[in-house]
Amino acid sequence: MTQQAVVDGRTARRDRNRVAVLDAVLELFTEGDLSPSPEAVAQRSGLSLRSVYRYVSDSDDLVRAGIDRHLEKVGPLFSFEPIGEGPFDERVEIFVSARLRLHQAIAPAARAAQARTRMRATPASEIIREGLHARRGMLRVQLSRHFEAELATFGPQADAILAAADALTQIETIDWFVVDGGYTVEQTRDALVTGLHRLLGPAAASPQSQ
């Protein structure tokens, strides 16, 4: 075996172990452990505690790296096509379906991120907070693009309408529906569809807003 082959083998093993550590974090998120300890991650991943610390420096770093890994896996779900095309009713259905799929995929990591930002201020928690802010901003832009035609009918009230529709359809709101509110997914879907129709539909734009 050549020296290069040895190096390549070690690199591949290191990459596999790092993925195993981060996927263990995601499994623990899903089971409700929003702040998993390195010990719990070591047990779940089947690696030694020393190996876990080889890839993360502490619990904050562990959570941050786990969230980054999760976003890497679900990245394609953050977008959908076509944006802003088709009849209003159809666009509402497409939009709500996309948000529900995204929620199902990222809710555990989102809860962990939220929980972490409410804990003591650390460099990692600040990075997580910035990531949450960026994700929310991206989803708001997506909403504004998809319903640009409707928002244009509200004139000076458009920003307020956008803010209300954005709050209704963010991941944290959907999570409230299905977790704290006790709504089924179908009930949540109906609430989002109805809310968007009331906020953005043709009947919502009064003559005063033109």
Foldseek 3Di string as FASTA:
>chain_A
DDPVVVVVVVVVVLVVLLVLLLVLQVVCLVVPNLQDFLVSSCVSSVHDSVSSCVNAPGSLRSLLVSLVVLCVVCVVLLDDDDAQDDDPLVLLLVVLVSLLVVLVSCVSSVVSLVVLLVDDDDPSNVVSVVVVVVSLVSSLVSVCRRQVVQLVLQAPCSVVLSVVLSVCRDSVNLCCCVPVVVHDSVRSSVVNSVVCCCSRNPVNRDPVRD
